[in-house]
PDB file of N, CA and C in Angstrom:
ATOM      1  N   MET A   1       1.008  -1.362   0.054  1.00  0.00           N
ATOM      2  CA  MET A   1      -0.070   0.152   0.167  1.00  0.00           C
ATOM      3  C   MET A   1       0.882   1.175   0.120  1.00  0.00           C
ATOM      4  N   ILE A   2       0.825   2.343  -0.899  1.00  0.00           N
ATOM      5  CA  ILE A   2       1.505   3.335  -0.977  1.00  0.00           C
ATOM      6  C   ILE A   2       0.980   4.381  -0.149  1.00  0.00           C
ATOM      7  N   GLU A   3      -0.092   4.626   0.340  1.00  0.00           N
ATOM      8  CA  GLU A   3      -0.712   5.567   1.129  1.00  0.00           C
ATOM      9  C   GLU A   3      -0.758   5.000   2.496  1.00  0.00           C
ATOM     10  N   GLN A   4      -0.495   6.175   3.291  1.00  0.00           N
ATOM     11  CA  GLN A   4      -0.817   5.501   4.712  1.00  0.00           C
ATOM     12  C   GLN A   4      -1.940   6.551   4.986  1.00  0.00           C
ATOM     13  N   VAL A   5      -2.798   5.749   5.845  1.00  0.00           N
ATOM     14  CA  VAL A   5      -4.076   6.136   6.686  1.00  0.00           C
ATOM     15  C   VAL A   5      -4.137   6.641   7.944  1.00  0.00           C
ATOM     16  N   PHE A   6      -5.087   7.914   8.326  1.00  0.00           N
ATOM     17  CA  PHE A   6      -4.979   8.324   9.514  1.00  0.00           C
ATOM     18  C   PHE A   6      -6.400   8.494   9.998  1.00  0.00           C
ATOM     19  N   ASN A   7      -6.876   8.159  11.381  1.00  0.00           N
ATOM     20  CA  ASN A   7      -8.020   8.110  11.546  1.00  0.00           C
ATOM     21  C   ASN A   7      -8.120   9.000  12.675  1.00  0.00           C
ATOM     22  N   TYR A   8      -9.273  10.003  12.781  1.00  0.00           N
ATOM     23  CA  TYR A   8      -9.122  10.628  13.842  1.00  0.00           C
ATOM     24  C   TYR A   8     -10.765  10.435  14.469  1.00  0.00           C
ATOM     25  N   SER A   9     -10.710  10.689  16.056  1.00  0.00           N
ATOM     26  CA  SER A   9     -12.306  10.472  16.511  1.00  0.00           C
ATOM     27  C   SER A   9     -13.467  11.287  16.164  1.00  0.00           C
ATOM     28  N   THR A  10     -14.222  10.545  16.335  1.00  0.00           N
ATOM     29  CA  THR A  10     -15.613  11.576  16.088  1.00  0.00           C
ATOM     30  C   THR A  10     -16.481  11.788  17.316  1.00  0.00           C
ATOM     31  N   THR A  11     -15.677  11.776  18.331  1.00  0.00           N
ATOM     32  CA  THR A  11     -16.391  11.992  19.598  1.00  0.00           C
ATOM     33  C   THR A  11     -16.792  13.593  19.964  1.00  0.00           C
ATOM     34  N   ASP A  12     -17.710  13.710  20.842  1.00  0.00           N
ATOM     35  CA  ASP A  12     -18.052  14.871  21.281  1.00  0.00           C
ATOM     36  C   ASP A  12     -17.090  15.641  22.526  1.00  0.00           C
ATOM     37  N   ASP A  13     -16.157  14.201  23.177  1.00  0.00           N
ATOM     38  CA  ASP A  13     -15.378  14.811  24.185  1.00  0.00           C
ATOM     39  C   ASP A  13     -13.957  15.162  23.843  1.00  0.00           C
ATOM     40  N   PHE A  14     -13.661  16.081  24.817  1.00  0.00           N
ATOM     41  CA  PHE A  14     -12.176  16.555  24.709  1.00  0.00           C
ATOM     42  C   PHE A  14     -11.223  15.701  23.978  1.00  0.00           C
ATOM     43  N   ALA A  15     -10.828  16.284  23.142  1.00  0.00           N
ATOM     44  CA  ALA A  15      -9.380  15.415  22.290  1.00  0.00           C
ATOM     45  C   ALA A  15      -8.638  16.469  21.497  1.00  0.00           C
ATOM     46  N   VAL A  16      -7.379  16.014  21.742  1.00  0.00           N
ATOM     47  CA  VAL A  16      -6.254  16.927  20.968  1.00  0.00           C
ATOM     48  C   VAL A  16      -5.481  15.784  20.514  1.00  0.00           C
ATOM     49  N   GLU A  17      -5.834  15.431  18.831  1.00  0.00           N
ATOM     50  CA  GLU A  17      -5.282  14.211  18.647  1.00  0.00           C
ATOM     51  C   GLU A  17      -3.756  14.324  17.570  1.00  0.00           C
ATOM     52  N   LYS A  18      -2.687  14.326  17.926  1.00  0.00           N
ATOM     53  CA  LYS A  18      -1.455  14.374  17.068  1.00  0.00           C
ATOM     54  C   LYS A  18      -1.433  13.252  16.083  1.00  0.00           C
ATOM     55  N   LEU A  19      -1.986  13.801  14.832  1.00  0.00           N
ATOM     56  CA  LEU A  19      -2.405  12.768  14.009  1.00  0.00           C
ATOM     57  C   LEU A  19      -1.263  12.337  13.172  1.00  0.00           C
ATOM     58  N   ILE A  20      -0.737  13.357  12.198  1.00  0.00           N
ATOM     59  CA  ILE A  20      -0.003  13.406  11.787  1.00  0.00           C
ATOM     60  C   ILE A  20       1.544  14.290  12.108  1.00  0.00           C
ATOM     61  N   PHE A  21       2.778  13.561  12.532  1.00  0.00           N
ATOM     62  CA  PHE A  21       3.712  14.439  12.862  1.00  0.00           C
ATOM     63  C   PHE A  21       5.100  14.257  12.394  1.00  0.00           C
ATOM     64  N   ASP A  22       5.269  14.905  11.210  1.00  0.00           N
ATOM     65  CA  ASP A  22       6.629  14.064  10.640  1.00  0.00           C
ATOM     66  C   ASP A  22       7.530  15.626  10.186  1.00  0.00           C
ATOM     67  N   ASP A  23       8.136  15.406   9.222  1.00  0.00           N
ATOM     68  CA  ASP A  23       9.264  16.243   8.950  1.00  0.00           C
ATOM     69  C   ASP A  23       8.503  17.424   8.203  1.00  0.00           C
ATOM     70  N   ASN A  24       7.240  17.634   7.542  1.00  0.00           N
ATOM     71  CA  ASN A  24       6.944  18.342   6.674  1.00  0.00           C
ATOM     72  C   ASN A  24       5.505  19.129   7.540  1.00  0.00           C
ATOM     73  N   ILE A  25       4.919  18.126   8.060  1.00  0.00           N
ATOM     74  CA  ILE A  25       3.616  18.997   8.847  1.00  0.00           C
ATOM     75  C   ILE A  25       3.391  18.783  10.216  1.00  0.00           C
ATOM     76  N   ASN A  26       2.604  19.169  11.033  1.00  0.00           N
ATOM     77  CA  ASN A  26       1.887  18.629  12.010  1.00  0.00           C
ATOM     78  C   ASN A  26       0.418  18.627  11.782  1.00  0.00           C
ATOM     79  N   TYR A  27      -0.237  17.764  11.774  1.00  0.00           N
ATOM     80  CA  TYR A  27      -1.839  17.740  11.563  1.00  0.00           C
ATOM     81  C   TYR A  27      -2.259  17.242  12.982  1.00  0.00           C
ATOM     82  N   ILE A  28      -3.100  18.210  13.329  1.00  0.00           N
ATOM     83  CA  ILE A  28      -3.745  18.024  14.913  1.00  0.00           C
ATOM     84  C   ILE A  28      -5.148  18.181  14.753  1.00  0.00           C
ATOM     85  N   HIS A  29      -5.853  16.961  15.364  1.00  0.00           N
ATOM     86  CA  HIS A  29      -7.493  17.300  15.597  1.00  0.00           C
ATOM     87  C   HIS A  29      -7.679  17.851  16.860  1.00  0.00           C
ATOM     88  N   MET A  30      -8.783  18.411  17.028  1.00  0.00           N
ATOM     89  CA  MET A  30      -8.980  18.841  18.093  1.00  0.00           C
ATOM     90  C   MET A  30     -10.732  19.157  18.577  1.00  0.00           C
ATOM     91  N   VAL A  31     -11.262  18.883  19.867  1.00  0.00           N
ATOM     92  CA  VAL A  31     -12.354  18.864  20.058  1.00  0.00           C
ATOM     93  C   VAL A  31     -12.211  19.609  21.486  1.00  0.00           C
ATOM     94  N   PHE A  32     -13.571  20.566  21.639  1.00  0.00           N
ATOM     95  CA  PHE A  32     -13.472  21.274  22.842  1.00  0.00           C
ATOM     96  C   PHE A  32     -14.913  21.592  22.944  1.00  0.00           C
ATOM     97  N   ASN A  33     -15.491  21.048  24.457  1.00  0.00           N
ATOM     98  CA  ASN A  33     -16.626  21.550  24.967  1.00  0.00           C
ATOM     99  C   ASN A  33     -16.611  23.213  25.314  1.00  0.00           C
ATOM    100  N   LYS A  34     -17.757  23.622  25.889  1.00  0.00           N
ATOM    101  CA  LYS A  34     -17.783  24.743  26.620  1.00  0.00           C
ATOM    102  C   LYS A  34     -16.429  25.108  27.600  1.00  0.00           C
ATOM    103  N   ASP A  35     -15.880  25.991  27.464  1.00  0.00           N
ATOM    104  CA  ASP A  35     -14.655  26.556  28.456  1.00  0.00           C
ATOM    105  C   ASP A  35     -13.717  25.355  28.619  1.00  0.00           C
ATOM    106  N   GLU A  36     -13.527  24.737  27.590  1.00  0.00           N
ATOM    107  CA  GLU A  36     -12.469  24.129  27.293  1.00  0.00           C
ATOM    108  C   GLU A  36     -11.437  24.700  26.198  1.00  0.00           C
ATOM    109  N   GLY A  37     -10.385  24.660  26.074  1.00  0.00           N
ATOM    110  CA  GLY A  37      -9.207  24.806  25.211  1.00  0.00           C
ATOM    111  C   GLY A  37      -7.814  24.434  25.260  1.00  0.00           C
ATOM    112  N   LEU A  38      -7.119  25.474  24.949  1.00  0.00           N
ATOM    113  CA  LEU A  38      -5.407  25.011  25.257  1.00  0.00           C
ATOM    114  C   LEU A  38      -4.781  26.146  25.977  1.00  0.00           C
ATOM    115  N   PRO A  39      -3.898  25.815  26.777  1.00  0.00           N
ATOM    116  CA  PRO A  39      -3.029  26.792  27.386  1.00  0.00           C
ATOM    117  C   PRO A  39      -2.664  27.731  26.589  1.00  0.00           C
ATOM    118  N   GLU A  40      -2.349  28.855  27.242  1.00  0.00           N
ATOM    119  CA  GLU A  40      -2.095  30.085  26.382  1.00  0.00           C
ATOM    120  C   GLU A  40      -0.510  29.642  26.274  1.00  0.00           C
ATOM    121  N   HIS A  41      -0.151  29.852  24.669  1.00  0.00           N
ATOM    122  CA  HIS A  41       1.116  29.488  24.521  1.00  0.00           C
ATOM    123  C   HIS A  41       1.565  30.700  23.338  1.00  0.00           C
ATOM    124  N   PHE A  42       2.672  30.115  22.583  1.00  0.00           N
ATOM    125  CA  PHE A  42       3.232  31.140  21.629  1.00  0.00           C
ATOM    126  C   PHE A  42       3.315  29.987  19.956  1.00  0.00           C
ATOM    127  N   SER A  43       3.000  30.647  19.092  1.00  0.00           N
ATOM    128  CA  SER A  43       2.887  29.504  17.921  1.00  0.00           C
ATOM    129  C   SER A  43       4.162  29.469  17.437  1.00  0.00           C
ATOM    130  N   ASN A  44       4.604  27.802  17.259  1.00  0.00           N
ATOM    131  CA  ASN A  44       5.877  27.714  17.040  1.00  0.00           C
ATOM    132  C   ASN A  44       6.115  27.275  15.719  1.00  0.00           C
ATOM    133  N   SER A  45       5.211  27.592  14.879  1.00  0.00           N
ATOM    134  CA  SER A  45       5.462  27.791  13.423  1.00  0.00           C
ATOM    135  C   SER A  45       4.423  28.363  12.692  1.00  0.00           C
ATOM    136  N   ASN A  46       4.094  28.346  11.535  1.00  0.00           N
ATOM    137  CA  ASN A  46       2.838  28.990  10.655  1.00  0.00           C
ATOM    138  C   ASN A  46       1.543  27.932  11.027  1.00  0.00           C
ATOM    139  N   VAL A  47       0.474  28.479  11.213  1.00  0.00           N
ATOM    140  CA  VAL A  47      -0.377  27.736  12.179  1.00  0.00           C
ATOM    141  C   VAL A  47      -1.883  27.942  11.083  1.00  0.00           C
ATOM    142  N   TYR A  48      -2.468  26.911  10.593  1.00  0.00           N
ATOM    143  CA  TYR A  48      -3.488  27.019   9.981  1.00  0.00           C
ATOM    144  C   TYR A  48      -4.642  26.282  10.721  1.00  0.00           C
ATOM    145  N   MET A  49      -5.869  27.133  11.029  1.00  0.00           N
ATOM    146  CA  MET A  49      -6.661  26.374  11.636  1.00  0.00           C
ATOM    147  C   MET A  49      -7.853  26.506  11.172  1.00  0.00           C
ATOM    148  N   THR A  50      -8.647  25.296  10.959  1.00  0.00           N
ATOM    149  CA  THR A  50      -9.578  25.236  10.165  1.00  0.00           C
ATOM    150  C   THR A  50     -11.041  24.897  11.121  1.00  0.00           C
ATOM    151  N   VAL A  51     -11.887  25.510  11.170  1.00  0.00           N
ATOM    152  CA  VAL A  51     -13.118  25.186  12.244  1.00  0.00           C
ATOM    153  C   VAL A  51     -14.058  24.598  11.304  1.00  0.00           C
ATOM    154  N   LEU A  52     -14.266  23.014  11.620  1.00  0.00           N
ATOM    155  CA  LEU A  52     -15.093  22.034  11.559  1.00  0.00           C
ATOM    156  C   LEU A  52     -16.701  22.280  11.675  1.00  0.00           C
ATOM    157  N   ARG A  53     -16.817  22.613  13.146  1.00  0.00           N
ATOM    158  CA  ARG A  53     -17.915  23.170  13.750  1.00  0.00           C
ATOM    159  C   ARG A  53     -17.998  23.783  15.278  1.00  0.00           C
ATOM    160  N   GLY A  54     -18.754  24.316  15.520  1.00  0.00           N
ATOM    161  CA  GLY A  54     -18.885  25.504  16.727  1.00  0.00           C
ATOM    162  C   GLY A  54     -18.479  26.887  16.235  1.00  0.00           C
ATOM    163  N   THR A  55     -17.786  27.419  17.165  1.00  0.00           N
ATOM    164  CA  THR A  55     -17.385  28.853  17.083  1.00  0.00           C
ATOM    165  C   THR A  55     -15.973  28.947  17.711  1.00  0.00           C
ATOM    166  N   LEU A  56     -14.958  29.259  17.229  1.00  0.00           N
ATOM    167  CA  LEU A  56     -13.475  29.401  17.875  1.00  0.00           C
ATOM    168  C   LEU A  56     -13.625  30.720  18.451  1.00  0.00           C
ATOM    169  N   SER A  57     -13.014  31.009  19.471  1.00  0.00           N
ATOM    170  CA  SER A  57     -13.034  32.318  20.303  1.00  0.00           C
ATOM    171  C   SER A  57     -11.217  31.957  20.642  1.00  0.00           C
ATOM    172  N   ILE A  58     -10.835  32.993  19.835  1.00  0.00           N
ATOM    173  CA  ILE A  58      -9.497  33.154  20.108  1.00  0.00           C
ATOM    174  C   ILE A  58      -8.548  34.501  20.160  1.00  0.00           C
ATOM    175  N   ALA A  59      -7.804  34.560  21.177  1.00  0.00           N
ATOM    176  CA  ALA A  59      -7.177  36.049  21.335  1.00  0.00           C
ATOM    177  C   ALA A  59      -5.579  35.644  20.827  1.00  0.00           C
ATOM    178  N   LEU A  60      -5.212  36.674  19.878  1.00  0.00           N
ATOM    179  CA  LEU A  60      -3.555  36.428  19.119  1.00  0.00           C
ATOM    180  C   LEU A  60      -3.054  37.610  19.590  1.00  0.00           C
ATOM    181  N   GLY A  61      -1.722  37.502  19.900  1.00  0.00           N
ATOM    182  CA  GLY A  61      -0.939  38.824  20.565  1.00  0.00           C
ATOM    183  C   GLY A  61      -1.573  39.352  21.435  1.00  0.00           C
ATOM    184  N   ASP A  62      -1.819  40.814  21.386  1.00  0.00           N
ATOM    185  CA  ASP A  62      -2.372  41.568  22.515  1.00  0.00           C
ATOM    186  C   ASP A  62      -3.805  42.272  21.900  1.00  0.00           C
ATOM    187  N   GLN A  63      -4.325  41.290  20.658  1.00  0.00           N
ATOM    188  CA  GLN A  63      -5.894  41.849  20.496  1.00  0.00           C
ATOM    189  C   GLN A  63      -6.598  41.068  21.250  1.00  0.00           C
ATOM    190  N   GLU A  64      -7.701  41.878  21.379  1.00  0.00           N
ATOM    191  CA  GLU A  64      -9.080  41.122  21.939  1.00  0.00           C
ATOM    192  C   GLU A  64      -9.817  39.613  21.369  1.00  0.00           C
ATOM    193  N   VAL A  65     -10.460  39.018  22.027  1.00  0.00           N
ATOM    194  CA  VAL A  65     -11.021  37.897  21.553  1.00  0.00           C
ATOM    195  C   VAL A  65     -11.573  38.087  20.555  1.00  0.00           C
ATOM    196  N   HIS A  66     -11.473  37.270  19.066  1.00  0.00           N
ATOM    197  CA  HIS A  66     -12.351  37.266  18.160  1.00  0.00           C
ATOM    198  C   HIS A  66     -12.922  35.962  17.838  1.00  0.00           C
ATOM    199  N   ARG A  67     -14.096  35.791  17.355  1.00  0.00           N
ATOM    200  CA  ARG A  67     -14.921  34.682  17.299  1.00  0.00           C
ATOM    201  C   ARG A  67     -14.708  34.150  15.575  1.00  0.00           C
ATOM    202  N   TYR A  68     -14.743  33.149  15.358  1.00  0.00           N
ATOM    203  CA  TYR A  68     -14.685  32.684  14.098  1.00  0.00           C
ATOM    204  C   TYR A  68     -15.659  31.192  14.009  1.00  0.00           C
ATOM    205  N   PRO A  69     -16.829  31.172  13.185  1.00  0.00           N
ATOM    206  CA  PRO A  69     -17.923  30.550  12.810  1.00  0.00           C
ATOM    207  C   PRO A  69     -17.287  29.257  12.186  1.00  0.00           C
ATOM    208  N   LYS A  70     -17.708  28.267  12.353  1.00  0.00           N
ATOM    209  CA  LYS A  70     -17.681  26.610  11.212  1.00  0.00           C
ATOM    210  C   LYS A  70     -17.258  27.304   9.842  1.00  0.00           C
ATOM    211  N   GLY A  71     -16.443  26.925   9.011  1.00  0.00           N
ATOM    212  CA  GLY A  71     -16.108  27.179   7.718  1.00  0.00           C
ATOM    213  C   GLY A  71     -14.879  28.018   7.528  1.00  0.00           C
ATOM    214  N   SER A  72     -14.405  28.468   9.064  1.00  0.00           N
ATOM    215  CA  SER A  72     -13.724  29.737   9.086  1.00  0.00           C
ATOM    216  C   SER A  72     -12.041  29.088   8.814  1.00  0.00           C
ATOM    217  N   ILE A  73     -10.952  29.380   8.250  1.00  0.00           N
ATOM    218  CA  ILE A  73      -9.969  29.410   8.029  1.00  0.00           C
ATOM    219  C   ILE A  73      -8.964  30.110   8.468  1.00  0.00           C
ATOM    220  N   LEU A  74      -8.128  29.922   9.687  1.00  0.00           N
ATOM    221  CA  LEU A  74      -7.317  31.091   9.992  1.00  0.00           C
ATOM    222  C   LEU A  74      -5.616  30.754   9.971  1.00  0.00           C
ATOM    223  N   LYS A  75      -4.799  31.632   9.453  1.00  0.00           N
ATOM    224  CA  LYS A  75      -3.383  31.709   9.037  1.00  0.00           C
ATOM    225  C   LYS A  75      -2.630  32.439  10.019  1.00  0.00           C
ATOM    226  N   ILE A  76      -2.168  31.891  10.900  1.00  0.00           N
ATOM    227  CA  ILE A  76      -1.741  32.718  12.133  1.00  0.00           C
ATOM    228  C   ILE A  76       0.388  32.390  12.022  1.00  0.00           C
ATOM    229  N   PRO A  77       0.893  33.472  12.063  1.00  0.00           N
ATOM    230  CA  PRO A  77       2.192  33.640  11.718  1.00  0.00           C
ATOM    231  C   PRO A  77       2.967  32.858  13.245  1.00  0.00           C
ATOM    232  N   VAL A  78       4.146  32.641  13.007  1.00  0.00           N
ATOM    233  CA  VAL A  78       4.906  31.976  14.083  1.00  0.00           C
ATOM    234  C   VAL A  78       5.237  33.063  14.972  1.00  0.00           C
ATOM    235  N   ASP A  79       5.517  32.504  16.304  1.00  0.00           N
ATOM    236  CA  ASP A  79       5.842  33.290  17.429  1.00  0.00           C
ATOM    237  C   ASP A  79       4.865  34.084  17.673  1.00  0.00           C
ATOM    238  N   ILE A  80       3.472  33.732  17.924  1.00  0.00           N
ATOM    239  CA  ILE A  80       2.509  34.520  18.195  1.00  0.00           C
ATOM    240  C   ILE A  80       1.634  34.410  19.177  1.00  0.00           C
ATOM    241  N   LYS A  81       1.618  34.849  20.483  1.00  0.00           N
ATOM    242  CA  LYS A  81       0.767  34.798  21.485  1.00  0.00           C
ATOM    243  C   LYS A  81      -0.783  34.078  21.303  1.00  0.00           C
ATOM    244  N   MET A  82      -0.887  33.025  21.951  1.00  0.00           N
ATOM    245  CA  MET A  82      -2.442  32.411  21.085  1.00  0.00           C
ATOM    246  C   MET A  82      -3.219  32.070  22.475  1.00  0.00           C
ATOM    247  N   ASN A  83      -4.463  32.320  22.414  1.00  0.00           N
ATOM    248  CA  ASN A  83      -5.171  31.670  23.469  1.00  0.00           C
ATOM    249  C   ASN A  83      -6.788  31.257  23.079  1.00  0.00           C
ATOM    250  N   VAL A  84      -6.965  29.866  22.797  1.00  0.00           N
ATOM    251  CA  VAL A  84      -7.745  29.319  22.367  1.00  0.00           C
ATOM    252  C   VAL A  84      -8.644  28.512  23.138  1.00  0.00           C
ATOM    253  N   LYS A  85      -9.969  29.116  23.154  1.00  0.00           N
ATOM    254  CA  LYS A  85     -11.008  28.554  23.793  1.00  0.00           C
ATOM    255  C   LYS A  85     -12.415  27.992  23.132  1.00  0.00           C
ATOM    256  N   ASN A  86     -13.086  27.513  23.906  1.00  0.00           N
ATOM    257  CA  ASN A  86     -14.490  27.362  23.213  1.00  0.00           C
ATOM    258  C   ASN A  86     -15.616  28.283  24.521  1.00  0.00           C
ATOM    259  N   ARG A  87     -16.126  29.296  24.101  1.00  0.00           N
ATOM    260  CA  ARG A  87     -16.958  30.090  24.976  1.00  0.00           C
ATOM    261  C   ARG A  87     -18.180  29.811  24.432  1.00  0.00           C
ATOM    262  N   ASP A  88     -18.828  29.008  23.542  1.00  0.00           N
ATOM    263  CA  ASP A  88     -20.137  28.465  23.527  1.00  0.00           C
ATOM    264  C   ASP A  88     -20.537  27.377  23.463  1.00  0.00           C
ATOM    265  N   GLU A  89     -21.986  27.016  23.761  1.00  0.00           N
ATOM    266  CA  GLU A  89     -22.544  25.546  24.127  1.00  0.00           C
ATOM    267  C   GLU A  89     -22.404  24.592  23.122  1.00  0.00           C
ATOM    268  N   GLU A  90     -21.965  24.947  22.173  1.00  0.00           N
ATOM    269  CA  GLU A  90     -21.930  24.285  20.939  1.00  0.00           C
ATOM    270  C   GLU A  90     -20.444  23.534  20.937  1.00  0.00           C
ATOM    271  N   THR A  91     -20.287  22.394  20.761  1.00  0.00           N
ATOM    272  CA  THR A  91     -18.982  21.606  20.614  1.00  0.00           C
ATOM    273  C   THR A  91     -18.084  22.360  19.458  1.00  0.00           C
ATOM    274  N   LEU A  92     -16.882  22.560  19.743  1.00  0.00           N
ATOM    275  CA  LEU A  92     -16.074  23.421  18.879  1.00  0.00           C
ATOM    276  C   LEU A  92     -15.150  21.754  18.117  1.00  0.00           C
ATOM    277  N   GLU A  93     -15.045  22.103  17.060  1.00  0.00           N
ATOM    278  CA  GLU A  93     -14.135  21.138  16.498  1.00  0.00           C
ATOM    279  C   GLU A  93     -12.809  21.689  15.470  1.00  0.00           C
ATOM    280  N   LEU A  94     -11.889  21.541  15.519  1.00  0.00           N
ATOM    281  CA  LEU A  94     -10.735  22.085  14.879  1.00  0.00           C
ATOM    282  C   LEU A  94      -9.713  21.070  13.865  1.00  0.00           C
ATOM    283  N   ILE A  95      -9.347  21.700  13.032  1.00  0.00           N
ATOM    284  CA  ILE A  95      -8.185  20.824  12.612  1.00  0.00           C
ATOM    285  C   ILE A  95      -6.901  21.888  12.381  1.00  0.00           C
ATOM    286  N   VAL A  96      -5.813  21.652  12.773  1.00  0.00           N
ATOM    287  CA  VAL A  96      -4.886  22.450  13.045  1.00  0.00           C
ATOM    288  C   VAL A  96      -3.540  22.046  12.351  1.00  0.00           C
ATOM    289  N   VAL A  97      -2.889  22.775  11.385  1.00  0.00           N
ATOM    290  CA  VAL A  97      -1.803  22.405  10.691  1.00  0.00           C
ATOM    291  C   VAL A  97      -0.812  23.202  10.617  1.00  0.00           C
ATOM    292  N   LYS A  98       0.294  22.647  11.181  1.00  0.00           N
ATOM    293  CA  LYS A  98       1.491  23.825  11.449  1.00  0.00           C
ATOM    294  C   LYS A  98       2.387  23.058  10.299  1.00  0.00           C
ATOM    295  N   ALA A  99       2.809  24.048   9.234  1.00  0.00           N
ATOM    296  CA  ALA A  99       3.540  23.995   8.635  1.00  0.00           C
ATOM    297  C   ALA A  99       4.712  25.343   8.277  1.00  0.00           C
ATOM    298  N   PRO A 100       5.787  25.165   8.028  1.00  0.00           N
ATOM    299  CA  PRO A 100       6.470  23.686   8.287  1.00  0.00           C
ATOM    300  C   PRO A 100       6.731  23.121   9.610  1.00  0.00           C
ATOM    301  N   ALA A 101       6.944  21.891   9.642  1.00  0.00           N
ATOM    302  CA  ALA A 101       6.737  21.463  11.379  1.00  0.00           C
ATOM    303  C   ALA A 101       7.418  21.800  12.075  1.00  0.00           C
ATOM    304  N   PRO A 102       7.237  22.453  13.070  1.00  0.00           N
ATOM    305  CA  PRO A 102       8.240  22.699  14.268  1.00  0.00           C
ATOM    306  C   PRO A 102       9.770  22.205  14.546  1.00  0.00           C
ATOM    307  N   VAL A 103      10.411  22.499  14.510  1.00  0.00           N
ATOM    308  CA  VAL A 103      12.109  21.956  14.674  1.00  0.00           C
ATOM    309  C   VAL A 103      11.962  21.650  16.155  1.00  0.00           C
ATOM    310  N   LYS A 104      12.438  20.133  16.378  1.00  0.00           N
ATOM    311  CA  LYS A 104      12.077  19.481  17.570  1.00  0.00           C
ATOM    312  C   LYS A 104      13.491  19.975  18.497  1.00  0.00           C
TER     313      LYS A 104
END
C-alpha cells in the first residue's frame, strides 16, 4: 500500500489528537466543549486552523478575543501568543496544521 491512512475520533469529548507529526507538517484534530481549550502559548510554526464545527474564540498577541464560526480558516504566523477557547455551548472542532513542522 502506497498511502498511509490516519483516523481521527468522531467524539464530542475533549480531544487533542496528534495525527501526523513528520518533517513536513503537524496535523492535529481538536475537540473542545464549553470553557475548554488550550493553555496560552506561542505559535511554534505557521499555524492554519480550520473550524469544522462550533465557534472558535481566539485571542492573538494583544488583540481582543475574535470569534470564528464553522467554515473559517485562520492563518497565524510563527511566534504569536495564542489563547484558544470554546466559549459557547456547541462543541468546537478544529483541524490545526503547522507548516513547516516545528523543529524539535
